[in-house]
Amino acid sequence: FTLKTEVDPNHVREMLPRMGDGTSPDSDDDFKCEDVSVEDEWSLKEGEEDLEATVKAIQDRAEASARPSSTNRTSKPPAVVDFLRNFLFQMGMTEALDCFQNEWSEMVQKGLLEEEGLMVTPVVHIENQRLENELRTALKEMEEYRRAVSAAAGTLAKVQKTRDFHRMQHKRVVQERNRLIEEMKKVKMQCDSYEPAMKRMNEKYEVVLKQVMLAALERDKAFREVNSPSGQHDTLCGGEERGGEAGVEKYPSVTQPRPPASTHSKK
């Protein structure tokens, strides 16, 4: 896109006095002569998602922008030529700015311009420029607030999902705990019901153990009586008496009877 303009010197001479008197028909659309910074030093850092930091940065920038605006109201208005240059620069009309610079320089060299009424910018243009700057700042703050709210909404959605997940986990854990408590109660009741049976079984076991111990003592006593020499002699004497009375046969040899312990073991 190329902009080609031709400036008429007579037209410039007619318009400049009117602008100095504030009677220009397009004076409400003009802007204050002010330098525009390429980068905003109060802009938020990239990746800034903290809501509190965002609000604080916006408030600091609003306070900083309010201080220069109050001083600009009492400062001296800029010259008309500077106002026109800044206006063309802000609008991006670089070729028109070059033409204006060349035409202005030629007119100054030729002495075709009158300095009276050309050095002070009308107040209406300064006020329009101030309002335009405030509007631009307000729009920028609104956009930053919108991004901060969007980031907060995303964070809130994630937190709500995490909350729902942990709530379901908690409910599941509570149900599992209640189930385990019920099972523990059932097991405890079963254990309590087993105690009388265990007592009866212990009593039976003790009785049987006493009987076994008494039987073992009797067995050992009988075994000792059989294996003792006096017991063997009594057995032999009893056999001879029975043989003499009968007189039928004579025992070739006397065998020792088996001890009761062996018979008890066979049983």
C-alpha atoms as a PDB file:
ATOM      1  CA  PHE A   1       0.000   0.000   0.000  1.00  0.00           C
ATOM      2  CA  THR A   2       1.528   3.297  -1.152  1.00  0.00           C
ATOM      3  CA  LEU A   3       0.260   6.736  -0.223  1.00  0.00           C
ATOM      4  CA  LYS A   4       1.084   9.623  -2.522  1.00  0.00           C
ATOM      5  CA  THR A   5       0.105  13.127  -1.474  1.00  0.00           C
ATOM      6  CA  GLU A   6       0.795  16.525  -2.859  1.00  0.00           C
ATOM      7  CA  VAL A   7       0.713  19.477  -0.485  1.00  0.00           C
ATOM      8  CA  ASP A   8      -0.404  22.853  -1.748  1.00  0.00           C
ATOM      9  CA  PRO A   9       1.551  25.665  -0.017  1.00  0.00           C
ATOM     10  CA  ASN A  10      -1.387  28.047  -0.275  1.00  0.00           C
ATOM     11  CA  HIS A  11      -3.674  25.488   1.338  1.00  0.00           C
ATOM     12  CA  VAL A  12      -1.193  25.011   4.184  1.00  0.00           C
ATOM     13  CA  ARG A  13      -0.992  28.751   4.774  1.00  0.00           C
ATOM     14  CA  GLU A  14      -4.787  28.939   4.929  1.00  0.00           C
ATOM     15  CA  MET A  15      -5.186  25.985   7.307  1.00  0.00           C
ATOM     16  CA  LEU A  16      -2.452  26.786   9.824  1.00  0.00           C
ATOM     17  CA  PRO A  17      -3.935  30.097  11.093  1.00  0.00           C
ATOM     18  CA  ARG A  18      -7.312  28.401  11.504  1.00  0.00           C
ATOM     19  CA  MET A  19      -5.713  25.636  13.544  1.00  0.00           C
ATOM     20  CA  GLY A  20      -3.993  28.230  15.677  1.00  0.00           C
ATOM     21  CA  ASP A  21      -7.356  29.902  16.389  1.00  0.00           C
ATOM     22  CA  GLY A  22      -9.098  26.553  17.050  1.00  0.00           C
ATOM     23  CA  THR A  23     -11.577  27.088  14.127  1.00  0.00           C
ATOM     24  CA  SER A  24     -10.536  24.085  12.014  1.00  0.00           C
ATOM     25  CA  PRO A  25     -13.504  21.903  11.045  1.00  0.00           C
ATOM     26  CA  ASP A  26     -11.522  18.726  11.789  1.00  0.00           C
ATOM     27  CA  SER A  27     -10.005  19.954  15.036  1.00  0.00           C
ATOM     28  CA  ASP A  28     -11.956  17.447  17.153  1.00  0.00           C
ATOM     29  CA  ASP A  29     -10.285  14.527  15.372  1.00  0.00           C
ATOM     30  CA  ASP A  30      -6.706  15.716  15.921  1.00  0.00           C
ATOM     31  CA  PHE A  31      -4.362  14.491  18.621  1.00  0.00           C
ATOM     32  CA  LYS A  32      -1.962  16.014  21.059  1.00  0.00           C
ATOM     33  CA  CYS A  33       1.674  16.274  20.047  1.00  0.00           C
ATOM     34  CA  GLU A  34       3.309  13.610  22.175  1.00  0.00           C
ATOM     35  CA  ASP A  35       5.998  11.007  21.701  1.00  0.00           C
ATOM     36  CA  VAL A  36       4.838   7.422  21.533  1.00  0.00           C
ATOM     37  CA  SER A  37       7.053   4.741  23.030  1.00  0.00           C
ATOM     38  CA  VAL A  38       7.503   1.623  20.932  1.00  0.00           C
ATOM     39  CA  GLU A  39       7.458  -0.739  23.920  1.00  0.00           C
ATOM     40  CA  ASP A  40       5.382  -0.328  27.035  1.00  0.00           C
ATOM     41  CA  GLU A  41       7.676  -0.758  29.972  1.00  0.00           C
ATOM     42  CA  TRP A  42       4.704  -1.478  32.221  1.00  0.00           C
ATOM     43  CA  SER A  43       3.434  -4.363  30.128  1.00  0.00           C
ATOM     44  CA  LEU A  44       3.086  -7.733  31.750  1.00  0.00           C
ATOM     45  CA  LYS A  45       5.781 -10.314  31.377  1.00  0.00           C
ATOM     46  CA  GLU A  46       5.255 -13.243  29.073  1.00  0.00           C
ATOM     47  CA  GLY A  47       3.738 -16.259  30.747  1.00  0.00           C
ATOM     48  CA  GLU A  48       2.395 -14.217  33.687  1.00  0.00           C
ATOM     49  CA  GLU A  49      -0.623 -16.136  34.923  1.00  0.00           C
ATOM     50  CA  ASP A  50      -0.817 -15.111  38.543  1.00  0.00           C
ATOM     51  CA  LEU A  51      -3.999 -13.127  39.036  1.00  0.00           C
ATOM     52  CA  GLU A  52      -2.696 -11.066  41.940  1.00  0.00           C
ATOM     53  CA  ALA A  53       0.476 -10.139  40.075  1.00  0.00           C
ATOM     54  CA  THR A  54      -1.579  -9.179  37.023  1.00  0.00           C
ATOM     55  CA  VAL A  55      -3.895  -6.927  39.011  1.00  0.00           C
ATOM     56  CA  LYS A  56      -0.955  -5.322  40.809  1.00  0.00           C
ATOM     57  CA  ALA A  57       0.864  -4.647  37.544  1.00  0.00           C
ATOM     58  CA  ILE A  58      -2.243  -3.061  36.039  1.00  0.00           C
ATOM     59  CA  GLN A  59      -2.780  -0.868  39.090  1.00  0.00           C
ATOM     60  CA  ASP A  60       0.854   0.246  39.086  1.00  0.00           C
ATOM     61  CA  ARG A  61       0.652   1.109  35.428  1.00  0.00           C
ATOM     62  CA  ALA A  62      -2.600   3.043  35.961  1.00  0.00           C
ATOM     63  CA  GLU A  63      -1.007   5.046  38.770  1.00  0.00           C
ATOM     64  CA  ALA A  64       2.069   5.722  36.656  1.00  0.00           C
ATOM     65  CA  SER A  65      -0.052   6.834  33.703  1.00  0.00           C
ATOM     66  CA  ALA A  66      -2.120   9.101  35.962  1.00  0.00           C
ATOM     67  CA  ARG A  67       0.911  11.030  37.188  1.00  0.00           C
ATOM     68  CA  PRO A  68       2.128  12.207  33.758  1.00  0.00           C
ATOM     69  CA  SER A  69      -1.428  13.114  32.703  1.00  0.00           C
ATOM     70  CA  SER A  70      -1.779  15.491  35.651  1.00  0.00           C
ATOM     71  CA  THR A  71       1.523  17.157  34.824  1.00  0.00           C
ATOM     72  CA  ASN A  72       0.695  17.433  31.134  1.00  0.00           C
ATOM     73  CA  ARG A  73      -2.355  19.549  31.905  1.00  0.00           C
ATOM     74  CA  THR A  74      -0.203  22.284  33.394  1.00  0.00           C
ATOM     75  CA  SER A  75       2.693  21.947  30.946  1.00  0.00           C
ATOM     76  CA  LYS A  76       3.160  24.175  27.933  1.00  0.00           C
ATOM     77  CA  PRO A  77       1.255  23.016  24.840  1.00  0.00           C
ATOM     78  CA  PRO A  78       3.465  21.764  21.999  1.00  0.00           C
ATOM     79  CA  ALA A  79       3.933  23.524  18.709  1.00  0.00           C
ATOM     80  CA  VAL A  80       1.610  22.878  15.797  1.00  0.00           C
ATOM     81  CA  VAL A  81       4.382  21.525  13.606  1.00  0.00           C
ATOM     82  CA  ASP A  82       5.313  18.966  16.244  1.00  0.00           C
ATOM     83  CA  PHE A  83       1.679  18.049  16.632  1.00  0.00           C
ATOM     84  CA  LEU A  84       1.333  17.399  12.907  1.00  0.00           C
ATOM     85  CA  ARG A  85       4.521  15.370  12.792  1.00  0.00           C
ATOM     86  CA  ASN A  86       3.470  13.173  15.707  1.00  0.00           C
ATOM     87  CA  PHE A  87       0.003  12.763  14.265  1.00  0.00           C
ATOM     88  CA  LEU A  88       1.335  11.565  10.908  1.00  0.00           C
ATOM     89  CA  PHE A  89       3.814   9.290  12.653  1.00  0.00           C
ATOM     90  CA  GLN A  90       1.145   7.745  14.879  1.00  0.00           C
ATOM     91  CA  MET A  91      -1.122   7.116  11.917  1.00  0.00           C
ATOM     92  CA  GLY A  92       1.720   5.441  10.011  1.00  0.00           C
ATOM     93  CA  MET A  93       1.658   7.995   7.189  1.00  0.00           C
ATOM     94  CA  THR A  94       5.418   8.023   6.660  1.00  0.00           C
ATOM     95  CA  GLU A  95       5.314   9.175   3.034  1.00  0.00           C
ATOM     96  CA  ALA A  96       2.916  11.987   3.891  1.00  0.00           C
ATOM     97  CA  LEU A  97       5.229  12.880   6.776  1.00  0.00           C
ATOM     98  CA  ASP A  98       8.197  13.062   4.414  1.00  0.00           C
ATOM     99  CA  CYS A  99       6.245  15.260   2.005  1.00  0.00           C
ATOM    100  CA  PHE A 100       5.170  17.499   4.869  1.00  0.00           C
ATOM    101  CA  GLN A 101       8.726  17.786   6.132  1.00  0.00           C
ATOM    102  CA  ASN A 102      10.033  18.711   2.708  1.00  0.00           C
ATOM    103  CA  GLU A 103       7.221  21.173   2.034  1.00  0.00           C
ATOM    104  CA  TRP A 104       7.574  22.732   5.470  1.00  0.00           C
ATOM    105  CA  SER A 105      11.316  23.150   5.082  1.00  0.00           C
ATOM    106  CA  GLU A 106      10.882  24.824   1.691  1.00  0.00           C
ATOM    107  CA  MET A 107       8.262  27.192   3.053  1.00  0.00           C
ATOM    108  CA  VAL A 108      10.441  28.088   6.046  1.00  0.00           C
ATOM    109  CA  GLN A 109      13.421  28.750   3.796  1.00  0.00           C
ATOM    110  CA  LYS A 110      11.318  30.930   1.492  1.00  0.00           C
ATOM    111  CA  GLY A 111       9.793  32.808   4.413  1.00  0.00           C
ATOM    112  CA  LEU A 112       6.242  32.020   3.411  1.00  0.00           C
ATOM    113  CA  LEU A 113       5.104  31.072   6.933  1.00  0.00           C
ATOM    114  CA  GLU A 114       4.066  33.463   9.637  1.00  0.00           C
ATOM    115  CA  GLU A 115       5.144  32.406  13.116  1.00  0.00           C
ATOM    116  CA  GLU A 116       2.252  34.186  14.836  1.00  0.00           C
ATOM    117  CA  GLY A 117      -0.564  31.771  15.631  1.00  0.00           C
ATOM    118  CA  LEU A 118       1.449  28.708  14.585  1.00  0.00           C
ATOM    119  CA  MET A 119       3.439  27.933  17.713  1.00  0.00           C
ATOM    120  CA  VAL A 120       0.661  26.883  20.135  1.00  0.00           C
ATOM    121  CA  THR A 121      -1.590  23.853  19.666  1.00  0.00           C
ATOM    122  CA  PRO A 122      -5.271  24.443  20.473  1.00  0.00           C
ATOM    123  CA  VAL A 123      -6.474  23.068  23.812  1.00  0.00           C
ATOM    124  CA  VAL A 124      -9.104  20.915  22.166  1.00  0.00           C
ATOM    125  CA  HIS A 125      -6.433  18.894  20.364  1.00  0.00           C
ATOM    126  CA  ILE A 126      -4.512  18.384  23.603  1.00  0.00           C
ATOM    127  CA  GLU A 127      -7.684  17.236  25.368  1.00  0.00           C
ATOM    128  CA  ASN A 128      -8.526  14.875  22.523  1.00  0.00           C
ATOM    129  CA  GLN A 129      -5.039  13.406  22.684  1.00  0.00           C
ATOM    130  CA  ARG A 130      -5.327  12.918  26.448  1.00  0.00           C
ATOM    131  CA  LEU A 131      -8.705  11.225  26.132  1.00  0.00           C
ATOM    132  CA  GLU A 132      -7.369   9.035  23.348  1.00  0.00           C
ATOM    133  CA  ASN A 133      -4.457   7.937  25.539  1.00  0.00           C
ATOM    134  CA  GLU A 134      -6.787   7.189  28.445  1.00  0.00           C
ATOM    135  CA  LEU A 135      -9.067   5.197  26.169  1.00  0.00           C
ATOM    136  CA  ARG A 136      -6.122   3.243  24.801  1.00  0.00           C
ATOM    137  CA  THR A 137      -4.884   2.520  28.327  1.00  0.00           C
ATOM    138  CA  ALA A 138      -8.367   1.467  29.448  1.00  0.00           C
ATOM    139  CA  LEU A 139      -8.708  -0.903  26.489  1.00  0.00           C
ATOM    140  CA  LYS A 140      -5.306  -2.407  27.215  1.00  0.00           C
ATOM    141  CA  GLU A 141      -6.208  -2.878  30.883  1.00  0.00           C
ATOM    142  CA  MET A 142      -9.518  -4.439  29.888  1.00  0.00           C
ATOM    143  CA  GLU A 143      -7.712  -6.906  27.629  1.00  0.00           C
ATOM    144  CA  GLU A 144      -5.260  -7.781  30.370  1.00  0.00           C
ATOM    145  CA  TYR A 145      -8.095  -8.239  32.844  1.00  0.00           C
ATOM    146  CA  ARG A 146      -9.841 -10.463  30.323  1.00  0.00           C
ATOM    147  CA  ARG A 147      -6.737 -12.624  29.920  1.00  0.00           C
ATOM    148  CA  ALA A 148      -6.326 -12.783  33.689  1.00  0.00           C
ATOM    149  CA  VAL A 149      -9.958 -13.821  34.118  1.00  0.00           C
ATOM    150  CA  SER A 150      -9.595 -16.452  31.382  1.00  0.00           C
ATOM    151  CA  ALA A 151      -6.492 -17.854  33.077  1.00  0.00           C
ATOM    152  CA  ALA A 152      -8.281 -17.833  36.430  1.00  0.00           C
ATOM    153  CA  ALA A 153     -11.280 -19.599  34.882  1.00  0.00           C
ATOM    154  CA  GLY A 154      -9.011 -22.302  33.459  1.00  0.00           C
ATOM    155  CA  THR A 155      -7.287 -22.713  36.804  1.00  0.00           C
ATOM    156  CA  LEU A 156     -10.659 -22.861  38.555  1.00  0.00           C
ATOM    157  CA  ALA A 157     -11.858 -25.585  36.174  1.00  0.00           C
ATOM    158  CA  LYS A 158      -8.722 -27.641  36.857  1.00  0.00           C
ATOM    159  CA  VAL A 159      -9.126 -27.170  40.601  1.00  0.00           C
ATOM    160  CA  GLN A 160     -12.769 -28.240  40.406  1.00  0.00           C
ATOM    161  CA  LYS A 161     -11.835 -31.378  38.468  1.00  0.00           C
ATOM    162  CA  THR A 162      -9.137 -32.190  41.011  1.00  0.00           C
ATOM    163  CA  ARG A 163     -11.610 -31.552  43.829  1.00  0.00           C
ATOM    164  CA  ASP A 164     -14.185 -33.901  42.282  1.00  0.00           C
ATOM    165  CA  PHE A 165     -11.538 -36.588  41.776  1.00  0.00           C
ATOM    166  CA  HIS A 166     -10.341 -36.384  45.374  1.00  0.00           C
ATOM    167  CA  ARG A 167     -13.939 -36.308  46.591  1.00  0.00           C
ATOM    168  CA  MET A 168     -14.676 -39.556  44.745  1.00  0.00           C
ATOM    169  CA  GLN A 169     -11.488 -41.087  46.130  1.00  0.00           C
ATOM    170  CA  HIS A 170     -12.466 -40.032  49.645  1.00  0.00           C
ATOM    171  CA  LYS A 171     -15.957 -41.480  49.252  1.00  0.00           C
ATOM    172  CA  ARG A 172     -14.483 -44.745  47.987  1.00  0.00           C
ATOM    173  CA  VAL A 173     -12.052 -44.917  50.897  1.00  0.00           C
ATOM    174  CA  VAL A 174     -14.864 -44.245  53.386  1.00  0.00           C
ATOM    175  CA  GLN A 175     -16.953 -47.048  51.879  1.00  0.00           C
ATOM    176  CA  GLU A 176     -14.003 -49.432  52.027  1.00  0.00           C
ATOM    177  CA  ARG A 177     -13.351 -48.457  55.644  1.00  0.00           C
ATOM    178  CA  ASN A 178     -16.983 -49.082  56.608  1.00  0.00           C
ATOM    179  CA  ARG A 179     -16.902 -52.466  54.890  1.00  0.00           C
ATOM    180  CA  LEU A 180     -13.744 -53.445  56.753  1.00  0.00           C
ATOM    181  CA  ILE A 181     -15.274 -52.291  60.045  1.00  0.00           C
ATOM    182  CA  GLU A 182     -18.313 -54.519  59.442  1.00  0.00           C
ATOM    183  CA  GLU A 183     -16.084 -57.481  58.613  1.00  0.00           C
ATOM    184  CA  MET A 184     -14.033 -56.877  61.755  1.00  0.00           C
ATOM    185  CA  LYS A 185     -17.221 -56.867  63.837  1.00  0.00           C
ATOM    186  CA  LYS A 186     -18.310 -60.183  62.294  1.00  0.00           C
ATOM    187  CA  VAL A 187     -14.904 -61.738  62.909  1.00  0.00           C
ATOM    188  CA  LYS A 188     -14.938 -60.505  66.501  1.00  0.00           C
ATOM    189  CA  MET A 189     -18.371 -62.034  67.064  1.00  0.00           C
ATOM    190  CA  GLN A 190     -17.152 -65.339  65.645  1.00  0.00           C
ATOM    191  CA  CYS A 191     -14.098 -65.238  67.896  1.00  0.00           C
ATOM    192  CA  ASP A 192     -16.314 -64.534  70.908  1.00  0.00           C
ATOM    193  CA  SER A 193     -18.528 -67.510  69.996  1.00  0.00           C
ATOM    194  CA  TYR A 194     -15.447 -69.772  69.763  1.00  0.00           C
ATOM    195  CA  GLU A 195     -14.302 -69.054  73.316  1.00  0.00           C
ATOM    196  CA  PRO A 196     -16.721 -71.481  75.137  1.00  0.00           C
ATOM    197  CA  ALA A 197     -15.885 -74.268  72.682  1.00  0.00           C
ATOM    198  CA  MET A 198     -12.187 -73.596  73.193  1.00  0.00           C
ATOM    199  CA  LYS A 199     -12.640 -73.796  76.953  1.00  0.00           C
ATOM    200  CA  ARG A 200     -14.473 -77.148  76.664  1.00  0.00           C
ATOM    201  CA  MET A 201     -11.804 -78.508  74.333  1.00  0.00           C
ATOM    202  CA  ASN A 202      -9.073 -77.390  76.727  1.00  0.00           C
ATOM    203  CA  GLU A 203     -10.813 -79.121  79.628  1.00  0.00           C
ATOM    204  CA  LYS A 204     -11.174 -82.347  77.609  1.00  0.00           C
ATOM    205  CA  TYR A 205      -7.562 -82.117  76.578  1.00  0.00           C
ATOM    206  CA  GLU A 206      -6.444 -81.763  80.186  1.00  0.00           C
ATOM    207  CA  VAL A 207      -8.557 -84.790  81.252  1.00  0.00           C
ATOM    208  CA  VAL A 208      -7.197 -86.934  78.418  1.00  0.00           C
ATOM    209  CA  LEU A 209      -3.668 -85.801  79.208  1.00  0.00           C
ATOM    210  CA  LYS A 210      -4.089 -86.850  82.847  1.00  0.00           C
ATOM    211  CA  GLN A 211      -5.427 -90.260  81.783  1.00  0.00           C
ATOM    212  CA  VAL A 212      -2.523 -90.790  79.428  1.00  0.00           C
ATOM    213  CA  MET A 213      -0.051 -89.847  82.141  1.00  0.00           C
ATOM    214  CA  LEU A 214      -1.693 -92.256  84.628  1.00  0.00           C
ATOM    215  CA  ALA A 215      -1.679 -95.072  82.053  1.00  0.00           C
ATOM    216  CA  ALA A 216       1.981 -94.431  81.341  1.00  0.00           C
ATOM    217  CA  LEU A 217       2.802 -94.548  85.054  1.00  0.00           C
ATOM    218  CA  GLU A 218       0.915 -97.859  85.491  1.00  0.00           C
ATOM    219  CA  ARG A 219       2.659 -99.330  82.469  1.00  0.00           C
ATOM    220  CA  ASP A 220       6.078 -98.354  83.773  1.00  0.00           C
ATOM    221  CA  LYS A 221       5.224 -99.791  87.196  1.00  0.00           C
ATOM    222  CA  ALA A 222       4.105-103.122  85.731  1.00  0.00           C
ATOM    223  CA  PHE A 223       7.174-103.272  83.513  1.00  0.00           C
ATOM    224  CA  ARG A 224       9.451-102.763  86.495  1.00  0.00           C
ATOM    225  CA  GLU A 225       7.660-105.463  88.486  1.00  0.00           C
ATOM    226  CA  VAL A 226       8.034-107.994  85.676  1.00  0.00           C
ATOM    227  CA  ASN A 227      11.701-107.251  85.064  1.00  0.00           C
ATOM    228  CA  SER A 228      12.693-107.331  88.746  1.00  0.00           C
ATOM    229  CA  PRO A 229      14.565-110.611  90.062  1.00  0.00           C
ATOM    230  CA  SER A 230      11.995-111.296  92.795  1.00  0.00           C
ATOM    231  CA  GLY A 231       9.244-111.377  90.249  1.00  0.00           C
ATOM    232  CA  GLN A 232      11.142-113.850  88.049  1.00  0.00           C
ATOM    233  CA  HIS A 233      11.802-116.170  91.047  1.00  0.00           C
ATOM    234  CA  ASP A 234       8.155-116.236  92.054  1.00  0.00           C
ATOM    235  CA  THR A 235       7.224-117.129  88.523  1.00  0.00           C
ATOM    236  CA  LEU A 236       9.669-120.055  88.377  1.00  0.00           C
ATOM    237  CA  CYS A 237       8.553-121.468  91.752  1.00  0.00           C
ATOM    238  CA  GLY A 238       4.957-121.397  90.784  1.00  0.00           C
ATOM    239  CA  GLY A 239       5.732-123.386  87.635  1.00  0.00           C
ATOM    240  CA  GLU A 240       7.566-126.176  89.470  1.00  0.00           C
ATOM    241  CA  GLU A 241       4.767-126.660  91.977  1.00  0.00           C
ATOM    242  CA  ARG A 242       2.262-127.026  89.220  1.00  0.00           C
ATOM    243  CA  GLY A 243       4.490-129.619  87.493  1.00  0.00           C
ATOM    244  CA  GLY A 244       4.936-131.780  90.651  1.00  0.00           C
ATOM    245  CA  GLU A 245       1.274-131.906  91.394  1.00  0.00           C
ATOM    246  CA  ALA A 246       0.348-132.923  87.878  1.00  0.00           C
ATOM    247  CA  GLY A 247       3.130-135.568  87.493  1.00  0.00           C
ATOM    248  CA  VAL A 248       2.247-136.021  83.854  1.00  0.00           C
ATOM    249  CA  GLU A 249       5.160-134.410  82.079  1.00  0.00           C
ATOM    250  CA  LYS A 250       8.388-132.690  82.896  1.00  0.00           C
ATOM    251  CA  TYR A 251       9.193-129.318  81.484  1.00  0.00           C
ATOM    252  CA  PRO A 252      12.489-129.420  79.604  1.00  0.00           C
ATOM    253  CA  SER A 253      13.109-125.770  80.222  1.00  0.00           C
ATOM    254  CA  VAL A 254      11.510-122.784  81.902  1.00  0.00           C
ATOM    255  CA  THR A 255      10.744-119.849  79.633  1.00  0.00           C
ATOM    256  CA  GLN A 256      10.407-116.336  80.940  1.00  0.00           C
ATOM    257  CA  PRO A 257       6.964-114.859  80.235  1.00  0.00           C
ATOM    258  CA  ARG A 258       6.694-111.727  78.207  1.00  0.00           C
ATOM    259  CA  PRO A 259       6.327-108.512  80.111  1.00  0.00           C
ATOM    260  CA  PRO A 260       2.957-106.787  80.176  1.00  0.00           C
ATOM    261  CA  ALA A 261       4.485-103.820  78.459  1.00  0.00           C
ATOM    262  CA  SER A 262       4.884-105.794  75.242  1.00  0.00           C
ATOM    263  CA  THR A 263       1.316-107.063  75.375  1.00  0.00           C
ATOM    264  CA  HIS A 264       0.107-103.544  76.061  1.00  0.00           C
ATOM    265  CA  SER A 265       2.001-102.281  73.065  1.00  0.00           C
ATOM    266  CA  LYS A 266       0.441-104.970  70.852  1.00  0.00           C
ATOM    267  CA  LYS A 267      -2.992-103.931  71.966  1.00  0.00           C
END
